[in-house]
Amino acid sequence: IMLKHFEISKPQVSFYEQNEKKHLPRLIGMLQAGQ
């Protein structure tokens, strides 16, 4: 909703308390790949 308000279009990855451990490797992988 916030991104749309400012006319920003970006892919999102869910990252909250209950899924931090699950999605942490994915995000670190993205960062290591130069993203």
PDB file of all heavy atoms in Angstrom:
ATOM      1  N   ILE A   1       0.843  -1.201   0.000  1.00  0.00           N
ATOM      2  CA  ILE A   1       0.000   0.000   0.000  1.00  0.00           C
ATOM      3  C   ILE A   1       0.879   1.253   0.000  1.00  0.00           C
ATOM      4  O   ILE A   1       0.625   2.208  -0.749  1.00  0.00           O
ATOM      5  CB  ILE A   1      -0.943   0.000   1.216  1.00  0.00           C
ATOM      6  CG1 ILE A   1      -1.978  -1.121   1.079  1.00  0.00           C
ATOM      7  CG2 ILE A   1      -1.646   1.350   1.362  1.00  0.00           C
ATOM      8  CD1 ILE A   1      -2.829  -1.333   2.311  1.00  0.00           C
ATOM      9  N   MET A   2       1.939   1.232   0.817  1.00  0.00           N
ATOM     10  CA  MET A   2       2.843   2.372   0.878  1.00  0.00           C
ATOM     11  C   MET A   2       3.581   2.567  -0.449  1.00  0.00           C
ATOM     12  O   MET A   2       3.675   3.693  -0.968  1.00  0.00           O
ATOM     13  CB  MET A   2       3.866   2.191   1.999  1.00  0.00           C
ATOM     14  CG  MET A   2       4.830   3.358   2.142  1.00  0.00           C
ATOM     15  SD  MET A   2       6.210   3.019   3.263  1.00  0.00           S
ATOM     16  CE  MET A   2       7.152   1.817   2.281  1.00  0.00           C
ATOM     17  N   LEU A   3       4.088   1.483  -1.004  1.00  0.00           N
ATOM     18  CA  LEU A   3       4.816   1.576  -2.275  1.00  0.00           C
ATOM     19  C   LEU A   3       3.908   2.099  -3.388  1.00  0.00           C
ATOM     20  O   LEU A   3       4.316   2.941  -4.199  1.00  0.00           O
ATOM     21  CB  LEU A   3       5.392   0.208  -2.657  1.00  0.00           C
ATOM     22  CG  LEU A   3       6.500  -0.340  -1.739  1.00  0.00           C
ATOM     23  CD1 LEU A   3       6.890  -1.739  -2.186  1.00  0.00           C
ATOM     24  CD2 LEU A   3       7.722   0.576  -1.729  1.00  0.00           C
ATOM     25  N   LYS A   4       2.682   1.612  -3.410  1.00  0.00           N
ATOM     26  CA  LYS A   4       1.734   2.058  -4.439  1.00  0.00           C
ATOM     27  C   LYS A   4       1.448   3.549  -4.287  1.00  0.00           C
ATOM     28  O   LYS A   4       1.329   4.277  -5.286  1.00  0.00           O
ATOM     29  CB  LYS A   4       0.440   1.253  -4.340  1.00  0.00           C
ATOM     30  CG  LYS A   4      -0.575   1.600  -5.430  1.00  0.00           C
ATOM     31  CD  LYS A   4      -1.822   0.725  -5.315  1.00  0.00           C
ATOM     32  CE  LYS A   4      -2.824   1.080  -6.413  1.00  0.00           C
ATOM     33  NZ  LYS A   4      -4.050   0.239  -6.313  1.00  0.00           N
ATOM     34  N   HIS A   5       1.335   4.006  -3.044  1.00  0.00           N
ATOM     35  CA  HIS A   5       1.067   5.427  -2.792  1.00  0.00           C
ATOM     36  C   HIS A   5       2.153   6.305  -3.401  1.00  0.00           C
ATOM     37  O   HIS A   5       1.871   7.390  -3.928  1.00  0.00           O
ATOM     38  CB  HIS A   5       0.986   5.685  -1.284  1.00  0.00           C
ATOM     39  CG  HIS A   5       0.786   7.118  -0.920  1.00  0.00           C
ATOM     40  ND1 HIS A   5      -0.459   7.716  -0.907  1.00  0.00           N
ATOM     41  CD2 HIS A   5       1.680   8.094  -0.544  1.00  0.00           C
ATOM     42  CE1 HIS A   5      -0.327   8.984  -0.550  1.00  0.00           C
ATOM     43  NE2 HIS A   5       0.946   9.240  -0.330  1.00  0.00           N
ATOM     44  N   PHE A   6       3.394   5.828  -3.346  1.00  0.00           N
ATOM     45  CA  PHE A   6       4.514   6.602  -3.883  1.00  0.00           C
ATOM     46  C   PHE A   6       4.911   6.159  -5.294  1.00  0.00           C
ATOM     47  O   PHE A   6       5.973   6.515  -5.786  1.00  0.00           O
ATOM     48  CB  PHE A   6       5.718   6.499  -2.938  1.00  0.00           C
ATOM     49  CG  PHE A   6       5.498   7.192  -1.623  1.00  0.00           C
ATOM     50  CD1 PHE A   6       5.344   6.452  -0.455  1.00  0.00           C
ATOM     51  CD2 PHE A   6       5.412   8.569  -1.549  1.00  0.00           C
ATOM     52  CE1 PHE A   6       5.139   7.085   0.761  1.00  0.00           C
ATOM     53  CE2 PHE A   6       5.202   9.210  -0.339  1.00  0.00           C
ATOM     54  CZ  PHE A   6       5.060   8.475   0.821  1.00  0.00           C
ATOM     55  N   GLU A   7       4.034   5.373  -5.912  1.00  0.00           N
ATOM     56  CA  GLU A   7       4.219   4.916  -7.297  1.00  0.00           C
ATOM     57  C   GLU A   7       5.550   4.186  -7.474  1.00  0.00           C
ATOM     58  O   GLU A   7       6.305   4.421  -8.417  1.00  0.00           O
ATOM     59  CB  GLU A   7       4.119   6.101  -8.257  1.00  0.00           C
ATOM     60  CG  GLU A   7       2.761   6.802  -8.205  1.00  0.00           C
ATOM     61  CD  GLU A   7       2.657   7.959  -9.176  1.00  0.00           C
ATOM     62  OE1 GLU A   7       3.699   8.435  -9.663  1.00  0.00           O
ATOM     63  OE2 GLU A   7       1.516   8.395  -9.463  1.00  0.00           O
ATOM     64  N   ILE A   8       5.816   3.276  -6.530  1.00  0.00           N
ATOM     65  CA  ILE A   8       7.020   2.447  -6.585  1.00  0.00           C
ATOM     66  C   ILE A   8       6.587   1.000  -6.795  1.00  0.00           C
ATOM     67  O   ILE A   8       5.731   0.480  -6.071  1.00  0.00           O
ATOM     68  CB  ILE A   8       7.834   2.561  -5.280  1.00  0.00           C
ATOM     69  CG1 ILE A   8       8.292   4.013  -5.083  1.00  0.00           C
ATOM     70  CG2 ILE A   8       9.024   1.622  -5.308  1.00  0.00           C
ATOM     71  CD1 ILE A   8       8.943   4.259  -3.745  1.00  0.00           C
ATOM     72  N   SER A   9       7.167   0.358  -7.779  1.00  0.00           N
ATOM     73  CA  SER A   9       6.849  -1.042  -8.068  1.00  0.00           C
ATOM     74  C   SER A   9       8.100  -1.895  -7.872  1.00  0.00           C
ATOM     75  O   SER A   9       9.064  -1.775  -8.644  1.00  0.00           O
ATOM     76  CB  SER A   9       6.324  -1.183  -9.498  1.00  0.00           C
ATOM     77  OG  SER A   9       6.041  -2.533  -9.798  1.00  0.00           O
ATOM     78  N   LYS A  10       8.096  -2.729  -6.835  1.00  0.00           N
ATOM     79  CA  LYS A  10       9.239  -3.579  -6.528  1.00  0.00           C
ATOM     80  C   LYS A  10       8.755  -4.946  -6.036  1.00  0.00           C
ATOM     81  O   LYS A  10       7.745  -5.047  -5.343  1.00  0.00           O
ATOM     82  CB  LYS A  10      10.098  -2.952  -5.419  1.00  0.00           C
ATOM     83  CG  LYS A  10      10.815  -1.691  -5.838  1.00  0.00           C
ATOM     84  CD  LYS A  10      11.922  -1.984  -6.854  1.00  0.00           C
ATOM     85  CE  LYS A  10      12.527  -0.694  -7.376  1.00  0.00           C
ATOM     86  NZ  LYS A  10      13.609  -0.957  -8.351  1.00  0.00           N
ATOM     87  N   PRO A  11       9.487  -6.006  -6.369  1.00  0.00           N
ATOM     88  CA  PRO A  11       9.145  -7.316  -5.807  1.00  0.00           C
ATOM     89  C   PRO A  11       9.409  -7.319  -4.307  1.00  0.00           C
ATOM     90  O   PRO A  11      10.343  -6.656  -3.834  1.00  0.00           O
ATOM     91  CB  PRO A  11      10.075  -8.283  -6.540  1.00  0.00           C
ATOM     92  CG  PRO A  11      11.213  -7.431  -7.009  1.00  0.00           C
ATOM     93  CD  PRO A  11      10.621  -6.083  -7.300  1.00  0.00           C
ATOM     94  N   GLN A  12       8.582  -8.054  -3.564  1.00  0.00           N
ATOM     95  CA  GLN A  12       8.736  -8.121  -2.119  1.00  0.00           C
ATOM     96  C   GLN A  12       8.983  -9.558  -1.653  1.00  0.00           C
ATOM     97  O   GLN A  12       8.499 -10.509  -2.264  1.00  0.00           O
ATOM     98  CB  GLN A  12       7.480  -7.606  -1.407  1.00  0.00           C
ATOM     99  CG  GLN A  12       7.195  -6.132  -1.616  1.00  0.00           C
ATOM    100  CD  GLN A  12       6.056  -5.675  -0.717  1.00  0.00           C
ATOM    101  OE1 GLN A  12       6.187  -5.655   0.510  1.00  0.00           O
ATOM    102  NE2 GLN A  12       4.931  -5.327  -1.325  1.00  0.00           N
ATOM    103  N   VAL A  13       9.729  -9.678  -0.571  1.00  0.00           N
ATOM    104  CA  VAL A  13       9.930 -10.950   0.112  1.00  0.00           C
ATOM    105  C   VAL A  13       9.387 -10.784   1.524  1.00  0.00           C
ATOM    106  O   VAL A  13       9.769  -9.848   2.233  1.00  0.00           O
ATOM    107  CB  VAL A  13      11.418 -11.348   0.169  1.00  0.00           C
ATOM    108  CG1 VAL A  13      11.605 -12.595   1.033  1.00  0.00           C
ATOM    109  CG2 VAL A  13      11.958 -11.596  -1.225  1.00  0.00           C
ATOM    110  N   SER A  14       8.481 -11.654   1.920  1.00  0.00           N
ATOM    111  CA  SER A  14       7.917 -11.595   3.261  1.00  0.00           C
ATOM    112  C   SER A  14       8.997 -11.919   4.292  1.00  0.00           C
ATOM    113  O   SER A  14       9.726 -12.904   4.161  1.00  0.00           O
ATOM    114  CB  SER A  14       6.766 -12.596   3.374  1.00  0.00           C
ATOM    115  OG  SER A  14       6.283 -12.649   4.695  1.00  0.00           O
ATOM    116  N   PHE A  15       9.121 -11.092   5.324  1.00  0.00           N
ATOM    117  CA  PHE A  15      10.145 -11.313   6.344  1.00  0.00           C
ATOM    118  C   PHE A  15       9.611 -10.820   7.683  1.00  0.00           C
ATOM    119  O   PHE A  15       9.670  -9.640   8.007  1.00  0.00           O
ATOM    120  CB  PHE A  15      11.431 -10.565   5.981  1.00  0.00           C
ATOM    121  CG  PHE A  15      12.611 -10.942   6.836  1.00  0.00           C
ATOM    122  CD1 PHE A  15      13.237 -12.173   6.671  1.00  0.00           C
ATOM    123  CD2 PHE A  15      13.087 -10.073   7.798  1.00  0.00           C
ATOM    124  CE1 PHE A  15      14.328 -12.519   7.463  1.00  0.00           C
ATOM    125  CE2 PHE A  15      14.168 -10.413   8.597  1.00  0.00           C
ATOM    126  CZ  PHE A  15      14.801 -11.639   8.424  1.00  0.00           C
ATOM    127  N   TYR A  16       9.020 -11.744   8.446  1.00  0.00           N
ATOM    128  CA  TYR A  16       8.478 -11.402   9.760  1.00  0.00           C
ATOM    129  C   TYR A  16       8.900 -12.453  10.768  1.00  0.00           C
ATOM    130  O   TYR A  16       9.582 -13.431  10.416  1.00  0.00           O
ATOM    131  CB  TYR A  16       6.957 -11.257   9.708  1.00  0.00           C
ATOM    132  CG  TYR A  16       6.200 -12.466   9.208  1.00  0.00           C
ATOM    133  CD1 TYR A  16       5.706 -13.421  10.088  1.00  0.00           C
ATOM    134  CD2 TYR A  16       5.971 -12.653   7.842  1.00  0.00           C
ATOM    135  CE1 TYR A  16       5.007 -14.529   9.638  1.00  0.00           C
ATOM    136  CE2 TYR A  16       5.274 -13.757   7.382  1.00  0.00           C
ATOM    137  CZ  TYR A  16       4.801 -14.689   8.280  1.00  0.00           C
ATOM    138  OH  TYR A  16       4.113 -15.790   7.822  1.00  0.00           O
ATOM    139  N   GLU A  17       8.529 -12.261  12.016  1.00  0.00           N
ATOM    140  CA  GLU A  17       9.058 -13.072  13.118  1.00  0.00           C
ATOM    141  C   GLU A  17       8.912 -14.574  12.886  1.00  0.00           C
ATOM    142  O   GLU A  17       9.823 -15.345  13.159  1.00  0.00           O
ATOM    143  CB  GLU A  17       8.362 -12.680  14.429  1.00  0.00           C
ATOM    144  CG  GLU A  17       8.919 -13.388  15.647  1.00  0.00           C
ATOM    145  CD  GLU A  17       8.250 -12.942  16.933  1.00  0.00           C
ATOM    146  OE1 GLU A  17       7.353 -12.071  16.878  1.00  0.00           O
ATOM    147  OE2 GLU A  17       8.624 -13.468  17.990  1.00  0.00           O
ATOM    148  N   GLN A  18       7.762 -14.981  12.362  1.00  0.00           N
ATOM    149  CA  GLN A  18       7.496 -16.414  12.225  1.00  0.00           C
ATOM    150  C   GLN A  18       8.202 -17.066  11.029  1.00  0.00           C
ATOM    151  O   GLN A  18       8.273 -18.288  10.955  1.00  0.00           O
ATOM    152  CB  GLN A  18       5.988 -16.667  12.120  1.00  0.00           C
ATOM    153  CG  GLN A  18       5.231 -16.537  13.428  1.00  0.00           C
ATOM    154  CD  GLN A  18       5.104 -15.103  13.902  1.00  0.00           C
ATOM    155  OE1 GLN A  18       5.040 -14.179  13.085  1.00  0.00           O
ATOM    156  NE2 GLN A  18       5.073 -14.889  15.210  1.00  0.00           N
ATOM    157  N   ASN A  19       8.692 -16.273  10.083  1.00  0.00           N
ATOM    158  CA  ASN A  19       9.353 -16.891   8.929  1.00  0.00           C
ATOM    159  C   ASN A  19      10.783 -16.404   8.712  1.00  0.00           C
ATOM    160  O   ASN A  19      11.374 -16.643   7.656  1.00  0.00           O
ATOM    161  CB  ASN A  19       8.526 -16.681   7.655  1.00  0.00           C
ATOM    162  CG  ASN A  19       8.593 -15.265   7.105  1.00  0.00           C
ATOM    163  OD1 ASN A  19       9.302 -14.407   7.633  1.00  0.00           O
ATOM    164  ND2 ASN A  19       7.854 -14.994   6.049  1.00  0.00           N
ATOM    165  N   GLU A  20      11.338 -15.707   9.700  1.00  0.00           N
ATOM    166  CA  GLU A  20      12.698 -15.175   9.559  1.00  0.00           C
ATOM    167  C   GLU A  20      13.712 -16.273   9.230  1.00  0.00           C
ATOM    168  O   GLU A  20      14.529 -16.119   8.317  1.00  0.00           O
ATOM    169  CB  GLU A  20      13.118 -14.449  10.835  1.00  0.00           C
ATOM    170  CG  GLU A  20      12.571 -13.042  10.966  1.00  0.00           C
ATOM    171  CD  GLU A  20      13.085 -12.341  12.214  1.00  0.00           C
ATOM    172  OE1 GLU A  20      12.594 -12.671  13.307  1.00  0.00           O
ATOM    173  OE2 GLU A  20      13.969 -11.494  12.081  1.00  0.00           O
ATOM    174  N   LYS A  21      13.665 -17.368   9.985  1.00  0.00           N
ATOM    175  CA  LYS A  21      14.645 -18.440   9.766  1.00  0.00           C
ATOM    176  C   LYS A  21      14.500 -19.050   8.372  1.00  0.00           C
ATOM    177  O   LYS A  21      15.492 -19.395   7.729  1.00  0.00           O
ATOM    178  CB  LYS A  21      14.475 -19.523  10.835  1.00  0.00           C
ATOM    179  CG  LYS A  21      14.909 -19.084  12.221  1.00  0.00           C
ATOM    180  CD  LYS A  21      14.797 -20.226  13.209  1.00  0.00           C
ATOM    181  CE  LYS A  21      15.256 -19.796  14.601  1.00  0.00           C
ATOM    182  NZ  LYS A  21      15.128 -20.920  15.585  1.00  0.00           N
ATOM    183  N   LYS A  22      13.272 -19.159   7.893  1.00  0.00           N
ATOM    184  CA  LYS A  22      13.015 -19.758   6.590  1.00  0.00           C
ATOM    185  C   LYS A  22      13.514 -18.892   5.451  1.00  0.00           C
ATOM    186  O   LYS A  22      14.117 -19.392   4.491  1.00  0.00           O
ATOM    187  CB  LYS A  22      11.509 -20.017   6.429  1.00  0.00           C
ATOM    188  CG  LYS A  22      11.112 -20.594   5.081  1.00  0.00           C
ATOM    189  CD  LYS A  22       9.610 -20.777   4.997  1.00  0.00           C
ATOM    190  CE  LYS A  22       9.194 -21.291   3.612  1.00  0.00           C
ATOM    191  NZ  LYS A  22       7.712 -21.436   3.522  1.00  0.00           N
ATOM    192  N   HIS A  23      13.282 -17.581   5.540  1.00  0.00           N
ATOM    193  CA  HIS A  23      13.604 -16.684   4.431  1.00  0.00           C
ATOM    194  C   HIS A  23      14.974 -16.015   4.540  1.00  0.00           C
ATOM    195  O   HIS A  23      15.423 -15.374   3.594  1.00  0.00           O
ATOM    196  CB  HIS A  23      12.518 -15.616   4.294  1.00  0.00           C
ATOM    197  CG  HIS A  23      11.238 -16.164   3.747  1.00  0.00           C
ATOM    198  ND1 HIS A  23      10.124 -15.365   3.520  1.00  0.00           N
ATOM    199  CD2 HIS A  23      10.876 -17.413   3.363  1.00  0.00           C
ATOM    200  CE1 HIS A  23       9.144 -16.104   3.038  1.00  0.00           C
ATOM    201  NE2 HIS A  23       9.578 -17.355   2.948  1.00  0.00           N
ATOM    202  N   LEU A  24      15.629 -16.179   5.676  1.00  0.00           N
ATOM    203  CA  LEU A  24      16.946 -15.568   5.864  1.00  0.00           C
ATOM    204  C   LEU A  24      17.969 -16.043   4.823  1.00  0.00           C
ATOM    205  O   LEU A  24      18.640 -15.220   4.205  1.00  0.00           O
ATOM    206  CB  LEU A  24      17.442 -15.842   7.284  1.00  0.00           C
ATOM    207  CG  LEU A  24      18.674 -15.070   7.752  1.00  0.00           C
ATOM    208  CD1 LEU A  24      18.427 -13.569   7.704  1.00  0.00           C
ATOM    209  CD2 LEU A  24      19.042 -15.494   9.163  1.00  0.00           C
ATOM    210  N   PRO A  25      18.096 -17.357   4.586  1.00  0.00           N
ATOM    211  CA  PRO A  25      19.069 -17.813   3.579  1.00  0.00           C
ATOM    212  C   PRO A  25      18.777 -17.256   2.183  1.00  0.00           C
ATOM    213  O   PRO A  25      19.715 -16.944   1.430  1.00  0.00           O
ATOM    214  CB  PRO A  25      18.905 -19.342   3.606  1.00  0.00           C
ATOM    215  CG  PRO A  25      18.347 -19.636   4.958  1.00  0.00           C
ATOM    216  CD  PRO A  25      17.439 -18.489   5.269  1.00  0.00           C
ATOM    217  N   ARG A  26      17.509 -17.130   1.834  1.00  0.00           N
ATOM    218  CA  ARG A  26      17.144 -16.594   0.519  1.00  0.00           C
ATOM    219  C   ARG A  26      17.620 -15.158   0.364  1.00  0.00           C
ATOM    220  O   ARG A  26      18.195 -14.790  -0.672  1.00  0.00           O
ATOM    221  CB  ARG A  26      15.634 -16.679   0.331  1.00  0.00           C
ATOM    222  CG  ARG A  26      15.138 -16.123  -1.002  1.00  0.00           C
ATOM    223  CD  ARG A  26      13.624 -16.137  -1.065  1.00  0.00           C
ATOM    224  NE  ARG A  26      13.130 -15.517  -2.288  1.00  0.00           N
ATOM    225  CZ  ARG A  26      11.846 -15.254  -2.523  1.00  0.00           C
ATOM    226  NH1 ARG A  26      10.927 -15.574  -1.624  1.00  0.00           N
ATOM    227  NH2 ARG A  26      11.482 -14.669  -3.665  1.00  0.00           N
ATOM    228  N   LEU A  27      17.391 -14.339   1.400  1.00  0.00           N
ATOM    229  CA  LEU A  27      17.796 -12.945   1.326  1.00  0.00           C
ATOM    230  C   LEU A  27      19.312 -12.790   1.321  1.00  0.00           C
ATOM    231  O   LEU A  27      19.863 -11.971   0.573  1.00  0.00           O
ATOM    232  CB  LEU A  27      17.189 -12.163   2.495  1.00  0.00           C
ATOM    233  CG  LEU A  27      15.672 -11.968   2.429  1.00  0.00           C
ATOM    234  CD1 LEU A  27      15.136 -11.414   3.749  1.00  0.00           C
ATOM    235  CD2 LEU A  27      15.300 -11.029   1.282  1.00  0.00           C
ATOM    236  N   ILE A  28      19.994 -13.587   2.129  1.00  0.00           N
ATOM    237  CA  ILE A  28      21.458 -13.542   2.141  1.00  0.00           C
ATOM    238  C   ILE A  28      21.998 -13.977   0.777  1.00  0.00           C
ATOM    239  O   ILE A  28      22.969 -13.396   0.261  1.00  0.00           O
ATOM    240  CB  ILE A  28      22.024 -14.439   3.260  1.00  0.00           C
ATOM    241  CG1 ILE A  28      21.658 -13.857   4.636  1.00  0.00           C
ATOM    242  CG2 ILE A  28      23.542 -14.570   3.131  1.00  0.00           C
ATOM    243  CD1 ILE A  28      22.225 -12.477   4.911  1.00  0.00           C
ATOM    244  N   GLY A  29      21.347 -14.966   0.172  1.00  0.00           N
ATOM    245  CA  GLY A  29      21.752 -15.405  -1.166  1.00  0.00           C
ATOM    246  C   GLY A  29      21.608 -14.290  -2.186  1.00  0.00           C
ATOM    247  O   GLY A  29      22.476 -14.113  -3.062  1.00  0.00           O
ATOM    248  N   MET A  30      20.522 -13.548  -2.118  1.00  0.00           N
ATOM    249  CA  MET A  30      20.319 -12.420  -3.020  1.00  0.00           C
ATOM    250  C   MET A  30      21.418 -11.376  -2.849  1.00  0.00           C
ATOM    251  O   MET A  30      21.970 -10.847  -3.822  1.00  0.00           O
ATOM    252  CB  MET A  30      18.954 -11.767  -2.747  1.00  0.00           C
ATOM    253  CG  MET A  30      17.759 -12.601  -3.167  1.00  0.00           C
ATOM    254  SD  MET A  30      16.212 -11.748  -2.711  1.00  0.00           S
ATOM    255  CE  MET A  30      15.006 -12.852  -3.456  1.00  0.00           C
ATOM    256  N   LEU A  31      21.722 -11.074  -1.594  1.00  0.00           N
ATOM    257  CA  LEU A  31      22.750 -10.070  -1.307  1.00  0.00           C
ATOM    258  C   LEU A  31      24.123 -10.541  -1.782  1.00  0.00           C
ATOM    259  O   LEU A  31      24.899  -9.758  -2.348  1.00  0.00           O
ATOM    260  CB  LEU A  31      22.770  -9.775   0.197  1.00  0.00           C
ATOM    261  CG  LEU A  31      21.549  -9.010   0.732  1.00  0.00           C
ATOM    262  CD1 LEU A  31      21.435  -9.156   2.248  1.00  0.00           C
ATOM    263  CD2 LEU A  31      21.639  -7.535   0.353  1.00  0.00           C
ATOM    264  N   GLN A  32      24.434 -11.797  -1.570  1.00  0.00           N
ATOM    265  CA  GLN A  32      25.719 -12.331  -2.011  1.00  0.00           C
ATOM    266  C   GLN A  32      25.826 -12.366  -3.533  1.00  0.00           C
ATOM    267  O   GLN A  32      26.930 -12.307  -4.087  1.00  0.00           O
ATOM    268  CB  GLN A  32      25.934 -13.730  -1.434  1.00  0.00           C
ATOM    269  CG  GLN A  32      26.195 -13.728   0.066  1.00  0.00           C
ATOM    270  CD  GLN A  32      26.301 -15.121   0.654  1.00  0.00           C
ATOM    271  OE1 GLN A  32      25.604 -16.050   0.226  1.00  0.00           O
ATOM    272  NE2 GLN A  32      27.173 -15.284   1.634  1.00  0.00           N
ATOM    273  N   ALA A  33      24.670 -12.433  -4.195  1.00  0.00           N
ATOM    274  CA  ALA A  33      24.646 -12.428  -5.662  1.00  0.00           C
ATOM    275  C   ALA A  33      24.753 -11.012  -6.234  1.00  0.00           C
ATOM    276  O   ALA A  33      24.741 -10.825  -7.457  1.00  0.00           O
ATOM    277  CB  ALA A  33      23.379 -13.099  -6.160  1.00  0.00           C
ATOM    278  N   GLY A  34      24.848 -10.021  -5.345  1.00  0.00           N
ATOM    279  CA  GLY A  34      25.027  -8.655  -5.799  1.00  0.00           C
ATOM    280  C   GLY A  34      23.762  -7.825  -5.861  1.00  0.00           C
ATOM    281  O   GLY A  34      23.792  -6.674  -6.312  1.00  0.00           O
ATOM    282  N   GLN A  35      22.635  -8.387  -5.400  1.00  0.00           N
ATOM    283  CA  GLN A  35      21.399  -7.608  -5.411  1.00  0.00           C
ATOM    284  C   GLN A  35      21.343  -6.661  -4.214  1.00  0.00           C
ATOM    285  O   GLN A  35      21.924  -6.938  -3.158  1.00  0.00           O
ATOM    286  CB  GLN A  35      20.188  -8.539  -5.391  1.00  0.00           C
ATOM    287  CG  GLN A  35      19.974  -9.314  -6.681  1.00  0.00           C
ATOM    288  CD  GLN A  35      18.675 -10.096  -6.655  1.00  0.00           C
ATOM    289  OE1 GLN A  35      18.547 -11.109  -5.972  1.00  0.00           O
ATOM    290  NE2 GLN A  35      17.694  -9.621  -7.398  1.00  0.00           N
TER     291      GLN A  35
END
